[in-house]
PDB file of N, CA and C in Angstrom:
ATOM      1  N   UNK A   1     -22.600  40.625 -76.914  1.00  0.00           N
ATOM      2  CA  UNK A   1     -23.072  41.656 -77.826  1.00  0.00           C
ATOM      3  C   UNK A   1     -23.300  41.034 -79.193  1.00  0.00           C
ATOM      4  N   UNK A   2     -24.339  41.453 -79.849  1.00  0.00           N
ATOM      5  CA  UNK A   2     -24.654  40.905 -81.169  1.00  0.00           C
ATOM      6  C   UNK A   2     -24.041  41.758 -82.268  1.00  0.00           C
ATOM      7  N   UNK A   3     -23.835  41.131 -83.397  1.00  0.00           N
ATOM      8  CA  UNK A   3     -23.313  41.864 -84.552  1.00  0.00           C
ATOM      9  C   UNK A   3     -24.419  42.711 -85.165  1.00  0.00           C
ATOM     10  N   UNK A   4     -24.039  43.839 -85.704  1.00  0.00           N
ATOM     11  CA  UNK A   4     -25.014  44.718 -86.338  1.00  0.00           C
ATOM     12  C   UNK A   4     -25.503  44.108 -87.648  1.00  0.00           C
ATOM     13  N   UNK A   5     -26.771  44.336 -87.942  1.00  0.00           N
ATOM     14  CA  UNK A   5     -27.374  43.801 -89.164  1.00  0.00           C
ATOM     15  C   UNK A   5     -26.656  44.309 -90.407  1.00  0.00           C
ATOM     16  N   UNK A   6     -26.188  45.546 -90.396  1.00  0.00           N
ATOM     17  CA  UNK A   6     -25.485  46.104 -91.541  1.00  0.00           C
ATOM     18  C   UNK A   6     -24.213  45.305 -91.849  1.00  0.00           C
ATOM     19  N   UNK A   7     -23.511  44.889 -90.810  1.00  0.00           N
ATOM     20  CA  UNK A   7     -22.305  44.091 -90.989  1.00  0.00           C
ATOM     21  C   UNK A   7     -22.653  42.696 -91.496  1.00  0.00           C
ATOM     22  N   UNK A   8     -23.666  42.095 -90.908  1.00  0.00           N
ATOM     23  CA  UNK A   8     -24.081  40.759 -91.342  1.00  0.00           C
ATOM     24  C   UNK A   8     -24.532  40.744 -92.799  1.00  0.00           C
ATOM     25  N   UNK A   9     -25.136  41.843 -93.249  1.00  0.00           N
ATOM     26  CA  UNK A   9     -25.613  41.928 -94.634  1.00  0.00           C
ATOM     27  C   UNK A   9     -24.479  41.941 -95.653  1.00  0.00           C
ATOM     28  N   UNK A  10     -23.308  42.442 -95.280  1.00  0.00           N
ATOM     29  CA  UNK A  10     -22.219  42.543 -96.258  1.00  0.00           C
ATOM     30  C   UNK A  10     -21.182  41.427 -96.145  1.00  0.00           C
ATOM     31  N   UNK A  11     -21.197  40.696 -95.031  1.00  0.00           N
ATOM     32  CA  UNK A  11     -20.228  39.613 -94.865  1.00  0.00           C
ATOM     33  C   UNK A  11     -20.593  38.408 -95.728  1.00  0.00           C
ATOM     34  N   UNK A  12     -19.564  37.766 -96.269  1.00  0.00           N
ATOM     35  CA  UNK A  12     -19.740  36.544 -97.053  1.00  0.00           C
ATOM     36  C   UNK A  12     -18.604  35.596 -96.709  1.00  0.00           C
ATOM     37  N   UNK A  13     -18.826  34.338 -96.958  1.00  0.00           N
ATOM     38  CA  UNK A  13     -17.796  33.334 -96.710  1.00  0.00           C
ATOM     39  C   UNK A  13     -16.590  33.632 -97.598  1.00  0.00           C
ATOM     40  N   UNK A  14     -15.397  33.708 -97.025  1.00  0.00           N
ATOM     41  CA  UNK A  14     -14.214  34.005 -97.842  1.00  0.00           C
ATOM     42  C   UNK A  14     -13.830  32.860 -98.781  1.00  0.00           C
ATOM     43  N   UNK A  15     -14.320  31.665 -98.517  1.00  0.00           N
ATOM     44  CA  UNK A  15     -13.972  30.519 -99.362  1.00  0.00           C
ATOM     45  C   UNK A  15     -14.891  30.416-100.582  1.00  0.00           C
ATOM     46  N   UNK A  16     -16.211  30.440-100.342  1.00  0.00           N
ATOM     47  CA  UNK A  16     -17.150  30.223-101.455  1.00  0.00           C
ATOM     48  C   UNK A  16     -17.972  31.454-101.804  1.00  0.00           C
ATOM     49  N   UNK A  17     -17.823  32.520-101.027  1.00  0.00           N
ATOM     50  CA  UNK A  17     -18.580  33.776-101.196  1.00  0.00           C
ATOM     51  C   UNK A  17     -20.067  33.615-100.909  1.00  0.00           C
ATOM     52  N   UNK A  18     -20.424  32.545-100.195  1.00  0.00           N
ATOM     53  CA  UNK A  18     -21.821  32.285 -99.850  1.00  0.00           C
ATOM     54  C   UNK A  18     -22.267  33.056 -98.621  1.00  0.00           C
ATOM     55  N   UNK A  19     -23.545  32.933 -98.326  1.00  0.00           N
ATOM     56  CA  UNK A  19     -24.144  33.598 -97.166  1.00  0.00           C
ATOM     57  C   UNK A  19     -23.674  32.937 -95.876  1.00  0.00           C
ATOM     58  N   UNK A  20     -23.633  33.756 -94.836  1.00  0.00           N
ATOM     59  CA  UNK A  20     -23.249  33.274 -93.513  1.00  0.00           C
ATOM     60  C   UNK A  20     -24.442  33.369 -92.568  1.00  0.00           C
ATOM     61  N   UNK A  21     -24.568  32.383 -91.701  1.00  0.00           N
ATOM     62  CA  UNK A  21     -25.620  32.376 -90.690  1.00  0.00           C
ATOM     63  C   UNK A  21     -24.985  32.699 -89.339  1.00  0.00           C
ATOM     64  N   UNK A  22     -25.529  33.703 -88.675  1.00  0.00           N
ATOM     65  CA  UNK A  22     -25.007  34.126 -87.375  1.00  0.00           C
ATOM     66  C   UNK A  22     -25.566  33.223 -86.285  1.00  0.00           C
ATOM     67  N   UNK A  23     -24.677  32.609 -85.521  1.00  0.00           N
ATOM     68  CA  UNK A  23     -25.035  31.759 -84.389  1.00  0.00           C
ATOM     69  C   UNK A  23     -24.704  32.544 -83.117  1.00  0.00           C
ATOM     70  N   UNK A  24     -25.681  33.250 -82.613  1.00  0.00           N
ATOM     71  CA  UNK A  24     -25.446  34.169 -81.500  1.00  0.00           C
ATOM     72  C   UNK A  24     -24.975  33.449 -80.237  1.00  0.00           C
ATOM     73  N   UNK A  25     -25.553  32.312 -79.913  1.00  0.00           N
ATOM     74  CA  UNK A  25     -25.172  31.600 -78.684  1.00  0.00           C
ATOM     75  C   UNK A  25     -23.728  31.112 -78.739  1.00  0.00           C
ATOM     76  N   UNK A  26     -23.296  30.643 -79.907  1.00  0.00           N
ATOM     77  CA  UNK A  26     -21.923  30.143 -80.061  1.00  0.00           C
ATOM     78  C   UNK A  26     -20.945  31.251 -80.435  1.00  0.00           C
ATOM     79  N   UNK A  27     -21.462  32.438 -80.777  1.00  0.00           N
ATOM     80  CA  UNK A  27     -20.650  33.576 -81.205  1.00  0.00           C
ATOM     81  C   UNK A  27     -19.806  33.214 -82.419  1.00  0.00           C
ATOM     82  N   UNK A  28     -20.490  32.681 -83.444  1.00  0.00           N
ATOM     83  CA  UNK A  28     -19.828  32.224 -84.661  1.00  0.00           C
ATOM     84  C   UNK A  28     -20.675  32.576 -85.873  1.00  0.00           C
ATOM     85  N   UNK A  29     -20.017  32.584 -87.024  1.00  0.00           N
ATOM     86  CA  UNK A  29     -20.686  32.703 -88.314  1.00  0.00           C
ATOM     87  C   UNK A  29     -20.475  31.389 -89.054  1.00  0.00           C
ATOM     88  N   UNK A  30     -21.566  30.778 -89.509  1.00  0.00           N
ATOM     89  CA  UNK A  30     -21.479  29.495 -90.187  1.00  0.00           C
ATOM     90  C   UNK A  30     -21.809  29.636 -91.664  1.00  0.00           C
ATOM     91  N   UNK A  31     -21.038  28.952 -92.492  1.00  0.00           N
ATOM     92  CA  UNK A  31     -21.327  28.850 -93.919  1.00  0.00           C
ATOM     93  C   UNK A  31     -21.874  27.445 -94.156  1.00  0.00           C
ATOM     94  N   UNK A  32     -23.142  27.355 -94.516  1.00  0.00           N
ATOM     95  CA  UNK A  32     -23.759  26.051 -94.739  1.00  0.00           C
ATOM     96  C   UNK A  32     -23.248  25.392 -96.011  1.00  0.00           C
ATOM     97  N   UNK A  33     -22.815  26.154 -96.990  1.00  0.00           N
ATOM     98  CA  UNK A  33     -22.305  25.580 -98.239  1.00  0.00           C
ATOM     99  C   UNK A  33     -20.959  24.891 -98.013  1.00  0.00           C
ATOM    100  N   UNK A  34     -20.052  25.550 -97.325  1.00  0.00           N
ATOM    101  CA  UNK A  34     -18.702  25.003 -97.067  1.00  0.00           C
ATOM    102  C   UNK A  34     -18.642  24.161 -95.802  1.00  0.00           C
ATOM    103  N   UNK A  35     -19.664  24.313 -94.944  1.00  0.00           N
ATOM    104  CA  UNK A  35     -19.674  23.656 -93.638  1.00  0.00           C
ATOM    105  C   UNK A  35     -18.497  24.129 -92.781  1.00  0.00           C
ATOM    106  N   UNK A  36     -18.190  25.437 -92.872  1.00  0.00           N
ATOM    107  CA  UNK A  36     -17.137  26.042 -92.069  1.00  0.00           C
ATOM    108  C   UNK A  36     -17.751  27.031 -91.093  1.00  0.00           C
ATOM    109  N   UNK A  37     -17.106  27.188 -89.950  1.00  0.00           N
ATOM    110  CA  UNK A  37     -17.556  28.088 -88.909  1.00  0.00           C
ATOM    111  C   UNK A  37     -16.437  29.075 -88.593  1.00  0.00           C
ATOM    112  N   UNK A  38     -16.779  30.366 -88.570  1.00  0.00           N
ATOM    113  CA  UNK A  38     -15.814  31.430 -88.312  1.00  0.00           C
ATOM    114  C   UNK A  38     -16.113  32.044 -86.948  1.00  0.00           C
ATOM    115  N   UNK A  39     -15.104  32.082 -86.091  1.00  0.00           N
ATOM    116  CA  UNK A  39     -15.247  32.601 -84.737  1.00  0.00           C
ATOM    117  C   UNK A  39     -15.347  34.123 -84.747  1.00  0.00           C
ATOM    118  N   UNK A  40     -16.011  34.653 -83.732  1.00  0.00           N
ATOM    119  CA  UNK A  40     -16.098  36.098 -83.525  1.00  0.00           C
ATOM    120  C   UNK A  40     -15.399  36.391 -82.208  1.00  0.00           C
ATOM    121  N   UNK A  41     -14.333  37.212 -82.253  1.00  0.00           N
ATOM    122  CA  UNK A  41     -13.573  37.582 -81.062  1.00  0.00           C
ATOM    123  C   UNK A  41     -13.689  39.082 -80.846  1.00  0.00           C
ATOM    124  N   UNK A  42     -14.080  39.482 -79.657  1.00  0.00           N
ATOM    125  CA  UNK A  42     -14.216  40.904 -79.321  1.00  0.00           C
ATOM    126  C   UNK A  42     -15.045  41.650 -80.353  1.00  0.00           C
ATOM    127  N   UNK A  43     -16.145  41.035 -80.776  1.00  0.00           N
ATOM    128  CA  UNK A  43     -17.087  41.608 -81.749  1.00  0.00           C
ATOM    129  C   UNK A  43     -16.492  41.761 -83.149  1.00  0.00           C
ATOM    130  N   UNK A  44     -15.404  41.055 -83.441  1.00  0.00           N
ATOM    131  CA  UNK A  44     -14.774  41.108 -84.761  1.00  0.00           C
ATOM    132  C   UNK A  44     -14.771  39.699 -85.352  1.00  0.00           C
ATOM    133  N   UNK A  45     -15.448  39.501 -86.484  1.00  0.00           N
ATOM    134  CA  UNK A  45     -15.431  38.187 -87.126  1.00  0.00           C
ATOM    135  C   UNK A  45     -14.033  37.874 -87.678  1.00  0.00           C
ATOM    136  N   UNK A  46     -13.537  36.690 -87.366  1.00  0.00           N
ATOM    137  CA  UNK A  46     -12.235  36.237 -87.859  1.00  0.00           C
ATOM    138  C   UNK A  46     -12.495  35.474 -89.158  1.00  0.00           C
ATOM    139  N   UNK A  47     -12.362  36.173 -90.278  1.00  0.00           N
ATOM    140  CA  UNK A  47     -12.751  35.630 -91.578  1.00  0.00           C
ATOM    141  C   UNK A  47     -11.556  35.053 -92.338  1.00  0.00           C
ATOM    142  N   UNK A  48     -10.754  34.260 -91.660  1.00  0.00           N
ATOM    143  CA  UNK A  48      -9.598  33.611 -92.271  1.00  0.00           C
ATOM    144  C   UNK A  48      -9.920  32.136 -92.483  1.00  0.00           C
ATOM    145  N   UNK A  49      -9.776  31.666 -93.703  1.00  0.00           N
ATOM    146  CA  UNK A  49     -10.099  30.274 -94.023  1.00  0.00           C
ATOM    147  C   UNK A  49      -9.268  29.323 -93.179  1.00  0.00           C
ATOM    148  N   UNK A  50      -8.005  29.648 -92.962  1.00  0.00           N
ATOM    149  CA  UNK A  50      -7.123  28.779 -92.181  1.00  0.00           C
ATOM    150  C   UNK A  50      -7.554  28.636 -90.721  1.00  0.00           C
ATOM    151  N   UNK A  51      -8.298  29.599 -90.210  1.00  0.00           N
ATOM    152  CA  UNK A  51      -8.734  29.547 -88.817  1.00  0.00           C
ATOM    153  C   UNK A  51     -10.177  29.059 -88.672  1.00  0.00           C
ATOM    154  N   UNK A  52     -10.850  28.826 -89.781  1.00  0.00           N
ATOM    155  CA  UNK A  52     -12.228  28.322 -89.737  1.00  0.00           C
ATOM    156  C   UNK A  52     -12.218  26.868 -89.288  1.00  0.00           C
ATOM    157  N   UNK A  53     -13.319  26.489 -88.652  1.00  0.00           N
ATOM    158  CA  UNK A  53     -13.451  25.110 -88.175  1.00  0.00           C
ATOM    159  C   UNK A  53     -14.677  24.464 -88.813  1.00  0.00           C
ATOM    160  N   UNK A  54     -14.559  23.198 -89.175  1.00  0.00           N
ATOM    161  CA  UNK A  54     -15.735  22.506 -89.719  1.00  0.00           C
ATOM    162  C   UNK A  54     -16.800  22.326 -88.636  1.00  0.00           C
ATOM    163  N   UNK A  55     -18.053  22.296 -89.069  1.00  0.00           N
ATOM    164  CA  UNK A  55     -19.131  22.038 -88.105  1.00  0.00           C
ATOM    165  C   UNK A  55     -20.050  20.952 -88.625  1.00  0.00           C
TER     166      UNK A  55
END
């Protein structure tokens, strides 16, 4: 399932407050500025810096 556009429009990287790019195939949100990737579990983005992974 894909994330709703309304949700994607308001989400920002918790570290730098930058824009996030939705990677539908990987089910992740990527911040190109920080080079961090946030996982999406059960249609809920996990926006914790400690759980983000570099990409």
